[in-house]
């Protein structure tokens, strides 16, 4: 597509990833009919707040089971608007107490989410669903870089739900997979040089603060 390639500048502070600034470039796209047909042929569709496709969530959810990464969204109105369509609603809950995480799950499930996952970093994770809430400890890890650990956890959790694995089993498997992701630099693939124009970058707060501006 014509336009600039998207990039995100990410720092690492004692192994903990830190999003610094980004340019979304041509990465924000509107789904077309062909995309919806492919979703309809899938077991599930996963997206999240970074994709800026909230307006298309109902169309996605009518075609496949929807997994949505809310990341650190805490606003109940935002959560309720999307969670009603979710098979799996996921939140990054590092720093939340068990009670706070449970309250977040209650909001999402009351809105209509079938399952709600809250990852809590070294404190483990909580998965709430039709049968109640399961807790899992974090798996031991040689932490090099936490980038992608939450995404890995969500992916393995979703796969487990699609396979009808027992919640406690899939949580343990997800914790192990996330720990493996923490053991290497970067989320996936291999390092490769790229030239970026940092004058195009915006702060992360600016990007998430006005998605309409990003679309323009």
Protein backbone atom coordinates (compact mmCIF):
# COMPACT_ATOMS: atom_id res chain seq x y z
CA UNK A 1 0.00 0.00 0.00
CA UNK A 2 1.23 3.53 -0.61
CA UNK A 3 2.42 5.30 2.52
CA UNK A 4 4.87 4.78 5.34
CA UNK A 5 5.66 1.42 6.94
CA UNK A 6 4.43 1.22 10.51
CA UNK A 7 6.97 0.99 13.31
CA UNK A 8 7.09 1.05 17.09
CA UNK A 9 10.11 2.04 19.16
CA UNK A 10 10.32 -0.24 22.19
CA UNK A 11 12.72 0.05 25.09
CA UNK A 12 13.71 -2.52 27.71
CA UNK A 13 14.09 -1.59 31.37
CA UNK A 14 15.50 -4.48 33.41
CA UNK A 15 13.93 -6.91 30.95
CA UNK A 16 10.50 -5.26 31.11
CA UNK A 17 9.32 -3.96 27.73
CA UNK A 18 8.42 -0.30 27.44
CA UNK A 19 6.53 1.18 24.46
CA UNK A 20 8.05 4.57 23.73
CA UNK A 21 6.64 5.97 20.48
CA UNK A 22 5.23 4.76 17.18
CA UNK A 23 3.96 5.57 13.71
CA UNK A 24 1.03 3.40 12.61
CA UNK A 25 1.67 4.25 8.96
CA UNK A 26 -0.42 2.08 6.64
CA UNK A 27 -1.12 -0.57 9.28
CA UNK A 28 -4.66 0.69 10.05
CA UNK A 29 -6.87 -0.84 7.36
CA UNK A 30 -10.60 -1.25 6.86
CA UNK A 31 -11.70 -4.89 6.43
CA UNK A 32 -13.34 -5.66 3.08
CA UNK A 33 -15.83 -8.34 2.09
CA UNK A 34 -13.05 -10.84 1.37
CA UNK A 35 -11.65 -10.38 4.86
CA UNK A 36 -15.05 -11.11 6.40
CA UNK A 37 -15.38 -14.25 4.27
CA UNK A 38 -12.04 -15.50 5.58
CA UNK A 39 -13.08 -14.77 9.15
CA UNK A 40 -16.28 -16.77 8.61
CA UNK A 41 -14.15 -19.79 7.64
CA UNK A 42 -12.06 -19.59 10.83
CA UNK A 43 -12.64 -21.04 14.30
CA UNK A 44 -11.92 -17.66 15.90
CA UNK A 45 -10.78 -14.14 15.10
CA UNK A 46 -8.41 -12.22 17.36
CA UNK A 47 -7.89 -8.46 17.46
CA UNK A 48 -7.49 -5.72 20.04
CA UNK A 49 -7.39 -2.04 20.77
CA UNK A 50 -4.21 -1.54 18.71
CA UNK A 51 -6.02 -2.47 15.49
CA UNK A 52 -8.56 0.39 15.66
CA UNK A 53 -11.31 -1.81 14.19
CA UNK A 54 -13.89 -1.38 16.96
CA UNK A 55 -16.58 -0.39 14.45
CA UNK A 56 -16.24 -3.80 12.78
CA UNK A 57 -16.38 -5.92 15.95
CA UNK A 58 -20.06 -6.93 15.50
CA UNK A 59 -19.36 -8.10 11.95
CA UNK A 60 -16.38 -10.15 13.14
CA UNK A 61 -18.27 -11.72 16.05
CA UNK A 62 -21.19 -12.77 13.84
CA UNK A 63 -18.78 -14.82 11.72
CA UNK A 64 -16.42 -16.42 14.26
CA UNK A 65 -15.73 -16.52 17.99
CA UNK A 66 -14.14 -13.20 18.89
CA UNK A 67 -11.03 -12.79 21.03
CA UNK A 68 -10.25 -9.18 21.96
CA UNK A 69 -7.17 -7.85 23.76
CA UNK A 70 -8.26 -4.90 25.90
CA UNK A 71 -4.67 -4.47 27.17
CA UNK A 72 -4.88 -1.84 29.95
CA UNK A 73 -8.34 -0.46 29.15
CA UNK A 74 -10.24 -0.02 32.42
CA UNK A 75 -13.17 2.20 31.39
CA UNK A 76 -16.36 0.20 32.02
CA UNK A 77 -18.23 1.82 29.12
CA UNK A 78 -15.51 0.86 26.64
CA UNK A 79 -15.32 -2.64 28.03
CA UNK A 80 -19.08 -3.20 27.93
CA UNK A 81 -19.33 -1.95 24.34
CA UNK A 82 -16.96 -4.65 23.07
CA UNK A 83 -17.13 -7.43 25.68
CA UNK A 84 -20.73 -8.20 24.74
CA UNK A 85 -19.36 -9.67 21.50
CA UNK A 86 -16.45 -11.59 23.02
CA UNK A 87 -15.83 -15.29 23.36
CA UNK A 88 -12.58 -14.32 25.12
CA UNK A 89 -11.90 -10.88 26.61
CA UNK A 90 -8.31 -10.42 27.77
CA UNK A 91 -6.71 -7.78 29.98
CA UNK A 92 -3.16 -6.96 31.02
CA UNK A 93 -3.45 -6.69 34.78
CA UNK A 94 0.09 -6.26 36.03
CA UNK A 95 -0.18 -4.35 39.29
CA UNK A 96 -3.81 -5.35 39.94
CA UNK A 97 -4.70 -7.22 43.10
CA UNK A 98 -6.67 -10.44 42.85
CA UNK A 99 -9.82 -8.59 43.91
CA UNK A 100 -9.26 -5.85 41.33
CA UNK A 101 -8.69 -8.41 38.60
CA UNK A 102 -11.86 -10.25 39.62
CA UNK A 103 -13.84 -6.99 39.49
CA UNK A 104 -12.56 -6.37 35.96
CA UNK A 105 -13.64 -9.88 34.97
CA UNK A 106 -17.07 -9.29 36.46
CA UNK A 107 -17.56 -6.20 34.29
CA UNK A 108 -16.59 -8.05 31.11
CA UNK A 109 -18.64 -11.16 31.86
CA UNK A 110 -21.68 -9.17 32.95
CA UNK A 111 -21.52 -7.40 29.59
CA UNK A 112 -21.62 -10.75 27.78
CA UNK A 113 -18.07 -12.12 27.43
CA UNK A 114 -18.07 -15.91 27.71
CA UNK A 115 -14.52 -16.04 29.08
CA UNK A 116 -12.33 -13.34 30.61
CA UNK A 117 -8.58 -13.61 31.09
CA UNK A 118 -6.49 -11.28 33.26
CA UNK A 119 -2.73 -11.78 33.16
CA UNK A 120 -0.88 -10.41 36.20
CA UNK A 121 2.78 -10.83 35.34
CA UNK A 122 4.73 -12.58 38.09
CA UNK A 123 1.48 -13.00 40.04
CA UNK A 124 0.12 -15.41 37.45
CA UNK A 125 -3.24 -15.24 35.68
CA UNK A 126 -6.97 -15.60 36.26
CA UNK A 127 -9.51 -17.05 33.83
CA UNK A 128 -13.21 -16.58 34.54
CA UNK A 129 -15.86 -18.49 32.62
CA UNK A 130 -19.12 -20.40 32.83
CA UNK A 131 -17.75 -22.79 35.45
CA UNK A 132 -16.21 -20.18 37.71
CA UNK A 133 -12.70 -18.72 38.03
CA UNK A 134 -9.37 -20.56 37.74
CA UNK A 135 -6.03 -19.19 38.91
CA UNK A 136 -2.58 -20.15 37.69
CA UNK A 137 0.87 -19.29 38.95
CA UNK A 138 3.45 -17.78 36.63
CA UNK A 139 5.90 -20.33 35.21
CA UNK A 140 9.61 -19.93 36.06
CA UNK A 141 11.45 -17.95 33.40
CA UNK A 142 14.90 -16.67 32.54
CA UNK A 143 13.67 -13.19 31.66
CA UNK A 144 15.49 -11.51 28.79
CA UNK A 145 12.61 -9.46 27.40
CA UNK A 146 8.91 -9.55 28.32
CA UNK A 147 7.79 -8.27 24.89
CA UNK A 148 5.07 -10.57 23.55
CA UNK A 149 4.58 -12.58 26.74
CA UNK A 150 1.00 -11.39 27.17
CA UNK A 151 0.21 -12.06 23.50
CA UNK A 152 1.63 -15.56 23.84
CA UNK A 153 -0.48 -16.20 26.94
CA UNK A 154 -3.66 -15.03 25.18
CA UNK A 155 -2.93 -17.11 22.08
CA UNK A 156 -2.34 -20.33 24.04
CA UNK A 157 -5.38 -19.65 26.20
CA UNK A 158 -7.60 -19.15 23.13
CA UNK A 159 -6.28 -22.32 21.50
CA UNK A 160 -7.02 -24.22 24.70
CA UNK A 161 -10.59 -22.92 24.82
CA UNK A 162 -11.15 -23.87 21.17
CA UNK A 163 -9.87 -27.38 21.97
CA UNK A 164 -12.15 -27.62 25.04
CA UNK A 165 -9.15 -28.15 27.32
CA UNK A 166 -9.76 -27.90 31.04
CA UNK A 167 -9.24 -24.29 32.21
CA UNK A 168 -6.55 -25.25 34.73
CA UNK A 169 -4.65 -27.24 32.09
CA UNK A 170 -4.75 -24.53 29.44
CA UNK A 171 -3.67 -21.88 31.96
CA UNK A 172 -0.61 -23.92 32.93
CA UNK A 173 0.26 -24.44 29.26
CA UNK A 174 -0.20 -20.72 28.57
CA UNK A 175 2.04 -19.78 31.50
CA UNK A 176 4.78 -22.09 30.20
CA UNK A 177 4.51 -20.68 26.68
CA UNK A 178 4.66 -17.09 27.97
CA UNK A 179 7.75 -17.93 30.05
CA UNK A 180 9.47 -19.25 26.92
CA UNK A 181 8.70 -15.97 25.12
CA UNK A 182 10.38 -14.06 27.97
CA UNK A 183 13.57 -16.03 27.33
CA UNK A 184 14.59 -14.30 24.11
CA UNK A 185 14.91 -10.76 22.81
CA UNK A 186 11.88 -9.52 20.91
CA UNK A 187 8.48 -11.12 20.53
CA UNK A 188 9.07 -13.24 17.43
CA UNK A 189 11.24 -13.69 14.35
CA UNK A 190 14.86 -12.62 14.05
CA UNK A 191 16.48 -9.17 14.30
CA UNK A 192 16.78 -7.29 11.02
CA UNK A 193 17.80 -3.68 10.39
CA UNK A 194 15.14 -1.17 9.35
CA UNK A 195 15.40 2.52 8.60
CA UNK A 196 12.69 4.62 10.24
CA UNK A 197 11.77 8.28 10.14
CA UNK A 198 11.39 9.12 13.82
CA UNK A 199 9.98 12.53 12.94
CA UNK A 200 6.74 10.66 12.09
CA UNK A 201 6.50 9.04 15.53
CA UNK A 202 3.88 9.99 18.10
CA UNK A 203 3.70 9.14 21.76
CA UNK A 204 1.76 6.00 22.64
CA UNK A 205 -0.68 8.10 24.69
CA UNK A 206 -1.39 10.29 21.66
CA UNK A 207 -2.02 7.30 19.40
CA UNK A 208 -4.49 5.67 21.79
CA UNK A 209 -6.01 8.95 22.86
CA UNK A 210 -7.47 9.86 19.48
CA UNK A 211 -7.99 6.90 17.12
CA UNK A 212 -9.92 9.13 14.72
CA UNK A 213 -6.79 11.21 14.22
CA UNK A 214 -4.83 8.05 13.48
CA UNK A 215 -7.36 6.96 10.86
CA UNK A 216 -7.02 10.29 9.08
